[in-house]
């Protein structure tokens, strides 16, 4: 067996390792390191699929391993971050446990993705990496604008994004068949918006980028059906 067949799975395991180590850092009280590990895992998550396509070494095992890694890194770890944030609010002791709805619905989202062969150019429901980006970036919003993330807001975010994970909403995928403008207008526009937002607002732009992704997908769907 050629070693190149193992490269995508190795990258997926790096994603999983980031999630596991992130949980340790979060347990020890360093939320920022846990967030940075989520962002590092996003790079590995992109690379494993990119390399698999480049080397033409797709496998059923790779698909399953990818979802298992995503569940830990982009499902369980963001849930713990939300749990920590809710713990800091003046709420009943049981309320922070609602954060783990994100992990539950992430598992459902990934299971549905694995048995759906139609999610190539579009996703059905919010992808778990996008959900993880939004939730993980909230700690920086909380640090800069603490009054924005009150208990009701965090609870709404938990419920809303749990629903979005399994919703029937179609969201465009950032997968290019070619790099021409025609047919990729939405993708290029979104990438430009994301780049400019990051340039001006740095990590505080991440929640805006995810919200723009959701809204843009919503309007694209409306336009395509009219």
Foldseek 3Di string as FASTA:
>chain_A
DDPLLCVLVVLLVLLLVLLVVLVVCVVVPNLLSSLVSLVVSVVSLVVSVVSCVVVVNDDLVSLVSNLVSLLRSLAVSLLSLLLVVLVPAPDPPCVSNLSNLSSVLSNVLSVVVSVDPPPDFKGFFDHSSLLSLQSSLVVVVCVVPVVVDHNVNSVCSSVVNSCRSHHRQIFGDLDDPDPDCVPCVLVVVLVVVQVVQCVVPNSNCSNVSSVCRRVSSVVVVVVVVD
